[in-house]
């Protein structure tokens, strides 16, 4: 599983980068928060940003990589409803935006599988 081990820093970087974006440019993330969730969209944006930062840090550290990658799997599954909401909300936007929103949907599965590979590789 050398490939999974060597891709762990990339997975950590993806999560850390996404976490930072939740704080630097929160407005686009706010728009994807399902209305059915209690509280403000901004609170959910910040909470998910914190989760991505924490999980990314856990994946980056060999000692916590396995549990971090398992948490990443859960996170990737948990944010899927936000991606569905985005695809529905953007259905009337210009074609490039619509295509981008729809393209995000099948990307979640490879992310989940990537995190699983990293978790199985362990340290």
PDB file of N, CA and C in Angstrom:
ATOM      1  N   UNK A   1       0.819  -1.192   0.000  1.00  0.00           N
ATOM      2  CA  UNK A   1       0.000   0.000   0.000  1.00  0.00           C
ATOM      3  C   UNK A   1       0.861   1.252   0.000  1.00  0.00           C
ATOM      4  N   UNK A   2       2.011   1.190  -0.626  1.00  0.00           N
ATOM      5  CA  UNK A   2       2.884   2.356  -0.672  1.00  0.00           C
ATOM      6  C   UNK A   2       2.203   3.519  -1.372  1.00  0.00           C
ATOM      7  N   UNK A   3       1.417   3.262  -2.392  1.00  0.00           N
ATOM      8  CA  UNK A   3       0.734   4.332  -3.104  1.00  0.00           C
ATOM      9  C   UNK A   3      -0.227   5.083  -2.210  1.00  0.00           C
ATOM     10  N   UNK A   4      -0.974   4.367  -1.390  1.00  0.00           N
ATOM     11  CA  UNK A   4      -1.919   5.007  -0.471  1.00  0.00           C
ATOM     12  C   UNK A   4      -1.165   5.821   0.576  1.00  0.00           C
ATOM     13  N   UNK A   5      -0.050   5.275   1.042  1.00  0.00           N
ATOM     14  CA  UNK A   5       0.744   5.998   2.037  1.00  0.00           C
ATOM     15  C   UNK A   5       1.296   7.285   1.445  1.00  0.00           C
ATOM     16  N   UNK A   6       1.776   7.214   0.215  1.00  0.00           N
ATOM     17  CA  UNK A   6       2.351   8.407  -0.403  1.00  0.00           C
ATOM     18  C   UNK A   6       1.274   9.400  -0.825  1.00  0.00           C
ATOM     19  N   UNK A   7       0.030   8.956  -0.967  1.00  0.00           N
ATOM     20  CA  UNK A   7      -1.027   9.894  -1.330  1.00  0.00           C
ATOM     21  C   UNK A   7      -1.676  10.526  -0.108  1.00  0.00           C
ATOM     22  N   UNK A   8      -1.316  10.071   1.082  1.00  0.00           N
ATOM     23  CA  UNK A   8      -1.871  10.645   2.305  1.00  0.00           C
ATOM     24  C   UNK A   8      -1.583  12.138   2.413  1.00  0.00           C
ATOM     25  N   UNK A   9      -0.366  12.607   2.111  1.00  0.00           N
ATOM     26  CA  UNK A   9      -0.135  14.057   2.171  1.00  0.00           C
ATOM     27  C   UNK A   9      -1.009  14.835   1.171  1.00  0.00           C
ATOM     28  N   UNK A  10      -1.300  14.234   0.045  1.00  0.00           N
ATOM     29  CA  UNK A  10      -2.181  14.903  -0.921  1.00  0.00           C
ATOM     30  C   UNK A  10      -3.605  15.007  -0.384  1.00  0.00           C
ATOM     31  N   UNK A  11      -4.084  13.931   0.226  1.00  0.00           N
ATOM     32  CA  UNK A  11      -5.415  13.948   0.825  1.00  0.00           C
ATOM     33  C   UNK A  11      -5.457  14.974   1.959  1.00  0.00           C
ATOM     34  N   UNK A  12      -4.423  14.991   2.779  1.00  0.00           N
ATOM     35  CA  UNK A  12      -4.353  15.975   3.868  1.00  0.00           C
ATOM     36  C   UNK A  12      -4.365  17.392   3.301  1.00  0.00           C
ATOM     37  N   UNK A  13      -3.601  17.620   2.242  1.00  0.00           N
ATOM     38  CA  UNK A  13      -3.554  18.942   1.619  1.00  0.00           C
ATOM     39  C   UNK A  13      -4.898  19.373   1.058  1.00  0.00           C
ATOM     40  N   UNK A  14      -5.619  18.431   0.446  1.00  0.00           N
ATOM     41  CA  UNK A  14      -6.948  18.729  -0.076  1.00  0.00           C
ATOM     42  C   UNK A  14      -7.880  19.161   1.053  1.00  0.00           C
ATOM     43  N   UNK A  15      -7.868  18.405   2.134  1.00  0.00           N
ATOM     44  CA  UNK A  15      -8.736  18.719   3.274  1.00  0.00           C
ATOM     45  C   UNK A  15      -8.343  20.037   3.942  1.00  0.00           C
ATOM     46  N   UNK A  16      -7.060  20.249   4.140  1.00  0.00           N
ATOM     47  CA  UNK A  16      -6.604  21.487   4.768  1.00  0.00           C
ATOM     48  C   UNK A  16      -6.921  22.697   3.895  1.00  0.00           C
ATOM     49  N   UNK A  17      -6.706  22.556   2.591  1.00  0.00           N
ATOM     50  CA  UNK A  17      -7.017  23.656   1.675  1.00  0.00           C
ATOM     51  C   UNK A  17      -8.499  23.984   1.665  1.00  0.00           C
ATOM     52  N   UNK A  18      -9.330  22.955   1.628  1.00  0.00           N
ATOM     53  CA  UNK A  18     -10.781  23.176   1.646  1.00  0.00           C
ATOM     54  C   UNK A  18     -11.202  23.806   2.968  1.00  0.00           C
ATOM     55  N   UNK A  19     -10.597  23.371   4.066  1.00  0.00           N
ATOM     56  CA  UNK A  19     -10.918  23.942   5.368  1.00  0.00           C
ATOM     57  C   UNK A  19     -10.593  25.422   5.430  1.00  0.00           C
ATOM     58  N   UNK A  20      -9.446  25.807   4.915  1.00  0.00           N
ATOM     59  CA  UNK A  20      -9.057  27.214   4.882  1.00  0.00           C
ATOM     60  C   UNK A  20     -10.046  28.023   4.043  1.00  0.00           C
ATOM     61  N   UNK A  21     -10.457  27.474   2.900  1.00  0.00           N
ATOM     62  CA  UNK A  21     -11.401  28.183   2.029  1.00  0.00           C
ATOM     63  C   UNK A  21     -12.725  28.479   2.722  1.00  0.00           C
ATOM     64  N   UNK A  22     -13.140  27.624   3.635  1.00  0.00           N
ATOM     65  CA  UNK A  22     -14.388  27.860   4.366  1.00  0.00           C
ATOM     66  C   UNK A  22     -14.329  29.154   5.175  1.00  0.00           C
ATOM     67  N   UNK A  23     -13.129  29.566   5.562  1.00  0.00           N
ATOM     68  CA  UNK A  23     -12.965  30.795   6.341  1.00  0.00           C
ATOM     69  C   UNK A  23     -12.597  31.991   5.469  1.00  0.00           C
ATOM     70  N   UNK A  24     -11.855  31.744   4.403  1.00  0.00           N
ATOM     71  CA  UNK A  24     -11.425  32.833   3.523  1.00  0.00           C
ATOM     72  C   UNK A  24     -12.575  33.302   2.626  1.00  0.00           C
ATOM     73  N   UNK A  25     -13.322  32.349   2.086  1.00  0.00           N
ATOM     74  CA  UNK A  25     -14.457  32.683   1.204  1.00  0.00           C
ATOM     75  C   UNK A  25     -15.675  31.848   1.621  1.00  0.00           C
ATOM     76  N   UNK A  26     -16.307  32.195   2.735  1.00  0.00           N
ATOM     77  CA  UNK A  26     -17.396  31.366   3.248  1.00  0.00           C
ATOM     78  C   UNK A  26     -18.707  31.450   2.458  1.00  0.00           C
ATOM     79  N   UNK A  27     -18.945  32.540   1.751  1.00  0.00           N
ATOM     80  CA  UNK A  27     -20.239  32.751   1.107  1.00  0.00           C
ATOM     81  C   UNK A  27     -20.649  31.612   0.157  1.00  0.00           C
ATOM     82  N   UNK A  28     -19.762  31.127  -0.720  1.00  0.00           N
ATOM     83  CA  UNK A  28     -20.178  30.015  -1.593  1.00  0.00           C
ATOM     84  C   UNK A  28     -20.551  28.755  -0.812  1.00  0.00           C
ATOM     85  N   UNK A  29     -19.887  28.521   0.306  1.00  0.00           N
ATOM     86  CA  UNK A  29     -20.201  27.350   1.131  1.00  0.00           C
ATOM     87  C   UNK A  29     -21.536  27.535   1.834  1.00  0.00           C
ATOM     88  N   UNK A  30     -21.809  28.769   2.283  1.00  0.00           N
ATOM     89  CA  UNK A  30     -23.091  29.059   2.924  1.00  0.00           C
ATOM     90  C   UNK A  30     -24.254  28.661   2.016  1.00  0.00           C
ATOM     91  N   UNK A  31     -24.088  28.915   0.727  1.00  0.00           N
ATOM     92  CA  UNK A  31     -25.168  28.663  -0.235  1.00  0.00           C
ATOM     93  C   UNK A  31     -25.461  27.179  -0.424  1.00  0.00           C
ATOM     94  N   UNK A  32     -24.536  26.320  -0.031  1.00  0.00           N
ATOM     95  CA  UNK A  32     -24.753  24.877  -0.217  1.00  0.00           C
ATOM     96  C   UNK A  32     -25.327  24.193   1.017  1.00  0.00           C
ATOM     97  N   UNK A  33     -25.441  24.917   2.108  1.00  0.00           N
ATOM     98  CA  UNK A  33     -25.956  24.326   3.348  1.00  0.00           C
ATOM     99  C   UNK A  33     -27.452  24.061   3.187  1.00  0.00           C
ATOM    100  N   UNK A  34     -27.870  22.817   3.340  1.00  0.00           N
ATOM    101  CA  UNK A  34     -29.306  22.513   3.225  1.00  0.00           C
ATOM    102  C   UNK A  34     -30.129  23.330   4.226  1.00  0.00           C
ATOM    103  N   UNK A  35     -31.232  23.877   3.756  1.00  0.00           N
ATOM    104  CA  UNK A  35     -32.101  24.713   4.597  1.00  0.00           C
ATOM    105  C   UNK A  35     -32.695  23.934   5.774  1.00  0.00           C
ATOM    106  N   UNK A  36     -32.753  22.627   5.659  1.00  0.00           N
ATOM    107  CA  UNK A  36     -33.351  21.815   6.718  1.00  0.00           C
ATOM    108  C   UNK A  36     -32.478  21.728   7.969  1.00  0.00           C
ATOM    109  N   UNK A  37     -31.211  22.139   7.873  1.00  0.00           N
ATOM    110  CA  UNK A  37     -30.332  22.092   9.041  1.00  0.00           C
ATOM    111  C   UNK A  37     -30.636  23.264   9.965  1.00  0.00           C
ATOM    112  N   UNK A  38     -30.636  23.027  11.267  1.00  0.00           N
ATOM    113  CA  UNK A  38     -30.905  24.115  12.207  1.00  0.00           C
ATOM    114  C   UNK A  38     -29.724  25.092  12.274  1.00  0.00           C
ATOM    115  N   UNK A  39     -30.001  26.312  12.652  1.00  0.00           N
ATOM    116  CA  UNK A  39     -28.936  27.299  12.790  1.00  0.00           C
ATOM    117  C   UNK A  39     -28.652  28.013  11.483  1.00  0.00           C
ATOM    118  N   UNK A  40     -27.633  28.846  11.534  1.00  0.00           N
ATOM    119  CA  UNK A  40     -27.298  29.648  10.354  1.00  0.00           C
ATOM    120  C   UNK A  40     -26.374  28.874   9.416  1.00  0.00           C
ATOM    121  N   UNK A  41     -26.503  29.145   8.119  1.00  0.00           N
ATOM    122  CA  UNK A  41     -25.584  28.509   7.160  1.00  0.00           C
ATOM    123  C   UNK A  41     -24.121  28.829   7.473  1.00  0.00           C
ATOM    124  N   UNK A  42     -23.844  30.058   7.924  1.00  0.00           N
ATOM    125  CA  UNK A  42     -22.453  30.430   8.227  1.00  0.00           C
ATOM    126  C   UNK A  42     -21.888  29.569   9.354  1.00  0.00           C
ATOM    127  N   UNK A  43     -22.695  29.267  10.353  1.00  0.00           N
ATOM    128  CA  UNK A  43     -22.228  28.409  11.446  1.00  0.00           C
ATOM    129  C   UNK A  43     -21.852  27.028  10.907  1.00  0.00           C
ATOM    130  N   UNK A  44     -22.657  26.494   9.993  1.00  0.00           N
ATOM    131  CA  UNK A  44     -22.359  25.191   9.391  1.00  0.00           C
ATOM    132  C   UNK A  44     -21.117  25.274   8.510  1.00  0.00           C
ATOM    133  N   UNK A  45     -20.957  26.394   7.789  1.00  0.00           N
ATOM    134  CA  UNK A  45     -19.761  26.588   6.962  1.00  0.00           C
ATOM    135  C   UNK A  45     -18.514  26.563   7.834  1.00  0.00           C
ATOM    136  N   UNK A  46     -18.542  27.310   8.930  1.00  0.00           N
ATOM    137  CA  UNK A  46     -17.379  27.335   9.815  1.00  0.00           C
ATOM    138  C   UNK A  46     -17.155  25.983  10.488  1.00  0.00           C
ATOM    139  N   UNK A  47     -18.229  25.342  10.911  1.00  0.00           N
ATOM    140  CA  UNK A  47     -18.092  24.027  11.558  1.00  0.00           C
ATOM    141  C   UNK A  47     -17.479  23.014  10.600  1.00  0.00           C
ATOM    142  N   UNK A  48     -17.941  23.018   9.345  1.00  0.00           N
ATOM    143  CA  UNK A  48     -17.371  22.067   8.385  1.00  0.00           C
ATOM    144  C   UNK A  48     -15.932  22.443   8.039  1.00  0.00           C
ATOM    145  N   UNK A  49     -15.614  23.731   8.060  1.00  0.00           N
ATOM    146  CA  UNK A  49     -14.230  24.152   7.848  1.00  0.00           C
ATOM    147  C   UNK A  49     -13.319  23.657   8.961  1.00  0.00           C
ATOM    148  N   UNK A  50     -13.787  23.772  10.195  1.00  0.00           N
ATOM    149  CA  UNK A  50     -13.021  23.267  11.336  1.00  0.00           C
ATOM    150  C   UNK A  50     -12.837  21.756  11.211  1.00  0.00           C
ATOM    151  N   UNK A  51     -13.911  21.064  10.819  1.00  0.00           N
ATOM    152  CA  UNK A  51     -13.821  19.602  10.658  1.00  0.00           C
ATOM    153  C   UNK A  51     -12.790  19.244   9.595  1.00  0.00           C
ATOM    154  N   UNK A  52     -12.800  19.954   8.470  1.00  0.00           N
ATOM    155  CA  UNK A  52     -11.831  19.659   7.407  1.00  0.00           C
ATOM    156  C   UNK A  52     -10.402  19.933   7.875  1.00  0.00           C
ATOM    157  N   UNK A  53     -10.213  21.027   8.613  1.00  0.00           N
ATOM    158  CA  UNK A  53      -8.871  21.325   9.132  1.00  0.00           C
ATOM    159  C   UNK A  53      -8.405  20.251  10.109  1.00  0.00           C
ATOM    160  N   UNK A  54      -9.279  19.845  11.015  1.00  0.00           N
ATOM    161  CA  UNK A  54      -8.912  18.822  12.004  1.00  0.00           C
ATOM    162  C   UNK A  54      -8.645  17.476  11.331  1.00  0.00           C
ATOM    163  N   UNK A  55      -9.492  17.111  10.407  1.00  0.00           N
ATOM    164  CA  UNK A  55      -9.322  15.824   9.727  1.00  0.00           C
ATOM    165  C   UNK A  55      -8.078  15.852   8.848  1.00  0.00           C
ATOM    166  N   UNK A  56      -7.866  16.976   8.157  1.00  0.00           N
ATOM    167  CA  UNK A  56      -6.661  17.110   7.331  1.00  0.00           C
ATOM    168  C   UNK A  56      -5.400  16.983   8.172  1.00  0.00           C
ATOM    169  N   UNK A  57      -5.389  17.614   9.355  1.00  0.00           N
ATOM    170  CA  UNK A  57      -4.235  17.502  10.247  1.00  0.00           C
ATOM    171  C   UNK A  57      -4.052  16.067  10.720  1.00  0.00           C
ATOM    172  N   UNK A  58      -5.153  15.383  11.002  1.00  0.00           N
ATOM    173  CA  UNK A  58      -5.064  13.977  11.439  1.00  0.00           C
ATOM    174  C   UNK A  58      -4.519  13.085  10.328  1.00  0.00           C
ATOM    175  N   UNK A  59      -4.936  13.331   9.091  1.00  0.00           N
ATOM    176  CA  UNK A  59      -4.427  12.534   7.965  1.00  0.00           C
ATOM    177  C   UNK A  59      -2.945  12.832   7.735  1.00  0.00           C
ATOM    178  N   UNK A  60      -2.532  14.072   7.964  1.00  0.00           N
ATOM    179  CA  UNK A  60      -1.135  14.458   7.731  1.00  0.00           C
ATOM    180  C   UNK A  60      -0.170  13.786   8.707  1.00  0.00           C
ATOM    181  N   UNK A  61      -0.617  13.532   9.918  1.00  0.00           N
ATOM    182  CA  UNK A  61       0.262  12.950  10.939  1.00  0.00           C
ATOM    183  C   UNK A  61       0.193  11.426  10.877  1.00  0.00           C
ATOM    184  N   UNK A  62       1.332  10.761  10.676  1.00  0.00           N
ATOM    185  CA  UNK A  62       1.314   9.295  10.570  1.00  0.00           C
ATOM    186  C   UNK A  62       0.642   8.603  11.755  1.00  0.00           C
ATOM    187  N   UNK A  63       0.797   9.151  12.945  1.00  0.00           N
ATOM    188  CA  UNK A  63       0.240   8.535  14.146  1.00  0.00           C
ATOM    189  C   UNK A  63      -1.290   8.505  14.143  1.00  0.00           C
ATOM    190  N   UNK A  64      -1.909   9.528  13.532  1.00  0.00           N
ATOM    191  CA  UNK A  64      -3.371   9.630  13.530  1.00  0.00           C
ATOM    192  C   UNK A  64      -3.966   9.446  12.143  1.00  0.00           C
ATOM    193  N   UNK A  65      -3.132   9.047  11.206  1.00  0.00           N
ATOM    194  CA  UNK A  65      -3.563   8.947   9.804  1.00  0.00           C
ATOM    195  C   UNK A  65      -4.755   8.016   9.619  1.00  0.00           C
ATOM    196  N   UNK A  66      -4.715   6.842  10.233  1.00  0.00           N
ATOM    197  CA  UNK A  66      -5.796   5.871  10.030  1.00  0.00           C
ATOM    198  C   UNK A  66      -7.143   6.434  10.485  1.00  0.00           C
ATOM    199  N   UNK A  67      -7.196   6.958  11.694  1.00  0.00           N
ATOM    200  CA  UNK A  67      -8.456   7.496  12.193  1.00  0.00           C
ATOM    201  C   UNK A  67      -8.846   8.758  11.402  1.00  0.00           C
ATOM    202  N   UNK A  68      -7.862   9.556  11.011  1.00  0.00           N
ATOM    203  CA  UNK A  68      -8.144  10.743  10.204  1.00  0.00           C
ATOM    204  C   UNK A  68      -8.739  10.389   8.858  1.00  0.00           C
ATOM    205  N   UNK A  69      -8.199   9.360   8.230  1.00  0.00           N
ATOM    206  CA  UNK A  69      -8.717   8.935   6.921  1.00  0.00           C
ATOM    207  C   UNK A  69     -10.121   8.352   7.059  1.00  0.00           C
ATOM    208  N   UNK A  70     -10.376   7.634   8.146  1.00  0.00           N
ATOM    209  CA  UNK A  70     -11.736   7.134   8.382  1.00  0.00           C
ATOM    210  C   UNK A  70     -12.707   8.303   8.584  1.00  0.00           C
ATOM    211  N   UNK A  71     -12.257   9.318   9.310  1.00  0.00           N
ATOM    212  CA  UNK A  71     -13.085  10.519   9.497  1.00  0.00           C
ATOM    213  C   UNK A  71     -13.301  11.226   8.159  1.00  0.00           C
ATOM    214  N   UNK A  72     -12.291  11.231   7.302  1.00  0.00           N
ATOM    215  CA  UNK A  72     -12.429  11.842   5.977  1.00  0.00           C
ATOM    216  C   UNK A  72     -13.503  11.125   5.164  1.00  0.00           C
ATOM    217  N   UNK A  73     -13.514   9.802   5.262  1.00  0.00           N
ATOM    218  CA  UNK A  73     -14.569   9.047   4.574  1.00  0.00           C
ATOM    219  C   UNK A  73     -15.939   9.530   5.031  1.00  0.00           C
ATOM    220  N   UNK A  74     -16.119   9.631   6.339  1.00  0.00           N
ATOM    221  CA  UNK A  74     -17.395  10.092   6.889  1.00  0.00           C
ATOM    222  C   UNK A  74     -17.730  11.506   6.447  1.00  0.00           C
ATOM    223  N   UNK A  75     -16.730  12.374   6.437  1.00  0.00           N
ATOM    224  CA  UNK A  75     -16.952  13.751   6.012  1.00  0.00           C
ATOM    225  C   UNK A  75     -17.383  13.810   4.555  1.00  0.00           C
ATOM    226  N   UNK A  76     -16.699  13.063   3.700  1.00  0.00           N
ATOM    227  CA  UNK A  76     -17.044  13.075   2.271  1.00  0.00           C
ATOM    228  C   UNK A  76     -18.475  12.578   2.042  1.00  0.00           C
ATOM    229  N   UNK A  77     -18.886  11.625   2.832  1.00  0.00           N
ATOM    230  CA  UNK A  77     -20.271  11.129   2.731  1.00  0.00           C
ATOM    231  C   UNK A  77     -21.238  12.180   3.287  1.00  0.00           C
ATOM    232  N   UNK A  78     -20.865  12.811   4.392  1.00  0.00           N
ATOM    233  CA  UNK A  78     -21.752  13.782   5.043  1.00  0.00           C
ATOM    234  C   UNK A  78     -22.005  15.028   4.202  1.00  0.00           C
ATOM    235  N   UNK A  79     -21.028  15.438   3.396  1.00  0.00           N
ATOM    236  CA  UNK A  79     -21.215  16.661   2.599  1.00  0.00           C
ATOM    237  C   UNK A  79     -21.941  16.400   1.278  1.00  0.00           C
ATOM    238  N   UNK A  80     -22.224  15.148   0.981  1.00  0.00           N
ATOM    239  CA  UNK A  80     -22.905  14.842  -0.275  1.00  0.00           C
ATOM    240  C   UNK A  80     -24.244  15.577  -0.423  1.00  0.00           C
ATOM    241  N   UNK A  81     -25.067  15.676   0.633  1.00  0.00           N
ATOM    242  CA  UNK A  81     -26.325  16.434   0.482  1.00  0.00           C
ATOM    243  C   UNK A  81     -26.106  17.891   0.073  1.00  0.00           C
ATOM    244  N   UNK A  82     -25.022  18.500   0.527  1.00  0.00           N
ATOM    245  CA  UNK A  82     -24.721  19.877   0.111  1.00  0.00           C
ATOM    246  C   UNK A  82     -24.418  19.928  -1.384  1.00  0.00           C
ATOM    247  N   UNK A  83     -23.737  18.922  -1.894  1.00  0.00           N
ATOM    248  CA  UNK A  83     -23.448  18.874  -3.326  1.00  0.00           C
ATOM    249  C   UNK A  83     -24.724  18.665  -4.137  1.00  0.00           C
ATOM    250  N   UNK A  84     -25.634  17.851  -3.619  1.00  0.00           N
ATOM    251  CA  UNK A  84     -26.930  17.664  -4.286  1.00  0.00           C
ATOM    252  C   UNK A  84     -27.696  18.978  -4.292  1.00  0.00           C
ATOM    253  N   UNK A  85     -27.703  19.673  -3.158  1.00  0.00           N
ATOM    254  CA  UNK A  85     -28.397  20.958  -3.073  1.00  0.00           C
ATOM    255  C   UNK A  85     -27.826  21.939  -4.091  1.00  0.00           C
ATOM    256  N   UNK A  86     -26.512  21.971  -4.204  1.00  0.00           N
ATOM    257  CA  UNK A  86     -25.872  22.869  -5.158  1.00  0.00           C
ATOM    258  C   UNK A  86     -26.304  22.533  -6.587  1.00  0.00           C
ATOM    259  N   UNK A  87     -26.330  21.263  -6.928  1.00  0.00           N
ATOM    260  CA  UNK A  87     -26.742  20.855  -8.277  1.00  0.00           C
ATOM    261  C   UNK A  87     -28.188  21.259  -8.557  1.00  0.00           C
ATOM    262  N   UNK A  88     -29.056  21.106  -7.575  1.00  0.00           N
ATOM    263  CA  UNK A  88     -30.468  21.493  -7.736  1.00  0.00           C
ATOM    264  C   UNK A  88     -30.584  23.012  -7.852  1.00  0.00           C
ATOM    265  N   UNK A  89     -29.908  23.730  -6.967  1.00  0.00           N
ATOM    266  CA  UNK A  89     -29.983  25.192  -6.973  1.00  0.00           C
ATOM    267  C   UNK A  89     -29.404  25.796  -8.246  1.00  0.00           C
ATOM    268  N   UNK A  90     -28.420  25.159  -8.818  1.00  0.00           N
ATOM    269  CA  UNK A  90     -27.748  25.707  -9.998  1.00  0.00           C
ATOM    270  C   UNK A  90     -28.316  25.196 -11.318  1.00  0.00           C
ATOM    271  N   UNK A  91     -29.420  24.511 -11.283  1.00  0.00           N
ATOM    272  CA  UNK A  91     -29.971  23.925 -12.508  1.00  0.00           C
ATOM    273  C   UNK A  91     -30.386  24.973 -13.539  1.00  0.00           C
ATOM    274  N   UNK A  92     -30.630  26.220 -13.115  1.00  0.00           N
ATOM    275  CA  UNK A  92     -31.041  27.270 -14.047  1.00  0.00           C
ATOM    276  C   UNK A  92     -29.901  28.237 -14.375  1.00  0.00           C
ATOM    277  N   UNK A  93     -28.740  27.953 -13.888  1.00  0.00           N
ATOM    278  CA  UNK A  93     -27.579  28.805 -14.169  1.00  0.00           C
ATOM    279  C   UNK A  93     -27.018  28.479 -15.553  1.00  0.00           C
ATOM    280  N   UNK A  94     -26.098  29.302 -16.038  1.00  0.00           N
ATOM    281  CA  UNK A  94     -25.466  29.007 -17.337  1.00  0.00           C
ATOM    282  C   UNK A  94     -24.819  27.611 -17.328  1.00  0.00           C
ATOM    283  N   UNK A  95     -24.734  27.022 -18.486  1.00  0.00           N
ATOM    284  CA  UNK A  95     -24.266  25.647 -18.652  1.00  0.00           C
ATOM    285  C   UNK A  95     -22.957  25.333 -17.926  1.00  0.00           C
ATOM    286  N   UNK A  96     -21.920  26.173 -17.975  1.00  0.00           N
ATOM    287  CA  UNK A  96     -20.680  25.806 -17.268  1.00  0.00           C
ATOM    288  C   UNK A  96     -20.880  25.641 -15.757  1.00  0.00           C
ATOM    289  N   UNK A  97     -21.712  26.494 -15.150  1.00  0.00           N
ATOM    290  CA  UNK A  97     -21.983  26.378 -13.711  1.00  0.00           C
ATOM    291  C   UNK A  97     -22.776  25.116 -13.412  1.00  0.00           C
ATOM    292  N   UNK A  98     -23.785  24.889 -14.248  1.00  0.00           N
ATOM    293  CA  UNK A  98     -24.611  23.683 -14.092  1.00  0.00           C
ATOM    294  C   UNK A  98     -23.745  22.435 -14.189  1.00  0.00           C
ATOM    295  N   UNK A  99     -22.875  22.418 -15.201  1.00  0.00           N
ATOM    296  CA  UNK A  99     -22.010  21.256 -15.420  1.00  0.00           C
ATOM    297  C   UNK A  99     -21.071  21.041 -14.234  1.00  0.00           C
ATOM    298  N   UNK A 100     -20.528  22.130 -13.699  1.00  0.00           N
ATOM    299  CA  UNK A 100     -19.618  22.015 -12.548  1.00  0.00           C
ATOM    300  C   UNK A 100     -20.347  21.449 -11.338  1.00  0.00           C
ATOM    301  N   UNK A 101     -21.564  21.919 -11.111  1.00  0.00           N
ATOM    302  CA  UNK A 101     -22.335  21.442  -9.957  1.00  0.00           C
ATOM    303  C   UNK A 101     -22.684  19.967 -10.108  1.00  0.00           C
ATOM    304  N   UNK A 102     -23.045  19.561 -11.300  1.00  0.00           N
ATOM    305  CA  UNK A 102     -23.390  18.153 -11.543  1.00  0.00           C
ATOM    306  C   UNK A 102     -22.140  17.280 -11.474  1.00  0.00           C
ATOM    307  N   UNK A 103     -21.023  17.798 -11.968  1.00  0.00           N
ATOM    308  CA  UNK A 103     -19.777  17.023 -11.974  1.00  0.00           C
ATOM    309  C   UNK A 103     -19.276  16.731 -10.563  1.00  0.00           C
ATOM    310  N   UNK A 104     -19.636  17.575  -9.609  1.00  0.00           N
ATOM    311  CA  UNK A 104     -19.205  17.346  -8.221  1.00  0.00           C
ATOM    312  C   UNK A 104     -19.824  16.087  -7.631  1.00  0.00           C
ATOM    313  N   UNK A 105     -21.006  15.729  -8.087  1.00  0.00           N
ATOM    314  CA  UNK A 105     -21.719  14.601  -7.474  1.00  0.00           C
ATOM    315  C   UNK A 105     -20.943  13.291  -7.542  1.00  0.00           C
ATOM    316  N   UNK A 106     -20.506  12.854  -8.732  1.00  0.00           N
ATOM    317  CA  UNK A 106     -19.796  11.570  -8.771  1.00  0.00           C
ATOM    318  C   UNK A 106     -18.379  11.629  -8.209  1.00  0.00           C
ATOM    319  N   UNK A 107     -17.858  12.815  -7.934  1.00  0.00           N
ATOM    320  CA  UNK A 107     -16.505  12.941  -7.389  1.00  0.00           C
ATOM    321  C   UNK A 107     -16.439  12.455  -5.948  1.00  0.00           C
ATOM    322  N   UNK A 108     -17.560  12.483  -5.232  1.00  0.00           N
ATOM    323  CA  UNK A 108     -17.553  12.062  -3.834  1.00  0.00           C
ATOM    324  C   UNK A 108     -17.119  10.603  -3.679  1.00  0.00           C
ATOM    325  N   UNK A 109     -17.556   9.736  -4.570  1.00  0.00           N
ATOM    326  CA  UNK A 109     -17.198   8.318  -4.445  1.00  0.00           C
ATOM    327  C   UNK A 109     -15.684   8.100  -4.530  1.00  0.00           C
ATOM    328  N   UNK A 110     -14.987   8.663  -5.528  1.00  0.00           N
ATOM    329  CA  UNK A 110     -13.528   8.479  -5.530  1.00  0.00           C
ATOM    330  C   UNK A 110     -12.847   9.063  -4.291  1.00  0.00           C
ATOM    331  N   UNK A 111     -13.399  10.160  -3.758  1.00  0.00           N
ATOM    332  CA  UNK A 111     -12.825  10.725  -2.535  1.00  0.00           C
ATOM    333  C   UNK A 111     -12.984   9.764  -1.357  1.00  0.00           C
ATOM    334  N   UNK A 112     -14.150   9.162  -1.239  1.00  0.00           N
ATOM    335  CA  UNK A 112     -14.394   8.180  -0.175  1.00  0.00           C
ATOM    336  C   UNK A 112     -13.440   6.995  -0.336  1.00  0.00           C
ATOM    337  N   UNK A 113     -13.295   6.501  -1.555  1.00  0.00           N
ATOM    338  CA  UNK A 113     -12.415   5.351  -1.802  1.00  0.00           C
ATOM    339  C   UNK A 113     -10.948   5.702  -1.553  1.00  0.00           C
ATOM    340  N   UNK A 114     -10.553   6.920  -1.897  1.00  0.00           N
ATOM    341  CA  UNK A 114      -9.190   7.388  -1.638  1.00  0.00           C
ATOM    342  C   UNK A 114      -8.932   7.398  -0.135  1.00  0.00           C
ATOM    343  N   UNK A 115      -9.856   7.970   0.625  1.00  0.00           N
ATOM    344  CA  UNK A 115      -9.689   8.012   2.082  1.00  0.00           C
ATOM    345  C   UNK A 115      -9.643   6.593   2.654  1.00  0.00           C
ATOM    346  N   UNK A 116     -10.437   5.689   2.098  1.00  0.00           N
ATOM    347  CA  UNK A 116     -10.414   4.301   2.573  1.00  0.00           C
ATOM    348  C   UNK A 116      -9.056   3.664   2.319  1.00  0.00           C
ATOM    349  N   UNK A 117      -8.500   3.897   1.131  1.00  0.00           N
ATOM    350  CA  UNK A 117      -7.163   3.348   0.824  1.00  0.00           C
ATOM    351  C   UNK A 117      -6.123   3.879   1.815  1.00  0.00           C
ATOM    352  N   UNK A 118      -6.192   5.184   2.089  1.00  0.00           N
ATOM    353  CA  UNK A 118      -5.231   5.785   3.035  1.00  0.00           C
ATOM    354  C   UNK A 118      -5.427   5.181   4.431  1.00  0.00           C
ATOM    355  N   UNK A 119      -6.678   4.975   4.844  1.00  0.00           N
ATOM    356  CA  UNK A 119      -6.922   4.408   6.172  1.00  0.00           C
ATOM    357  C   UNK A 119      -6.388   2.987   6.273  1.00  0.00           C
ATOM    358  N   UNK A 120      -6.510   2.234   5.213  1.00  0.00           N
ATOM    359  CA  UNK A 120      -6.039   0.850   5.233  1.00  0.00           C
ATOM    360  C   UNK A 120      -4.516   0.764   5.206  1.00  0.00           C
ATOM    361  N   UNK A 121      -3.872   1.781   4.626  1.00  0.00           N
ATOM    362  CA  UNK A 121      -2.413   1.790   4.591  1.00  0.00           C
ATOM    363  C   UNK A 121      -1.833   2.109   5.961  1.00  0.00           C
ATOM    364  N   UNK A 122      -2.668   2.765   6.795  1.00  0.00           N
ATOM    365  CA  UNK A 122      -2.211   3.082   8.155  1.00  0.00           C
ATOM    366  C   UNK A 122      -1.091   4.094   8.151  1.00  0.00           C
ATOM    367  N   UNK A 123      -0.116   3.822   8.963  1.00  0.00           N
ATOM    368  CA  UNK A 123       1.034   4.736   9.074  1.00  0.00           C
ATOM    369  C   UNK A 123       1.862   4.606   7.844  1.00  0.00           C
TER     370      UNK A 123
END
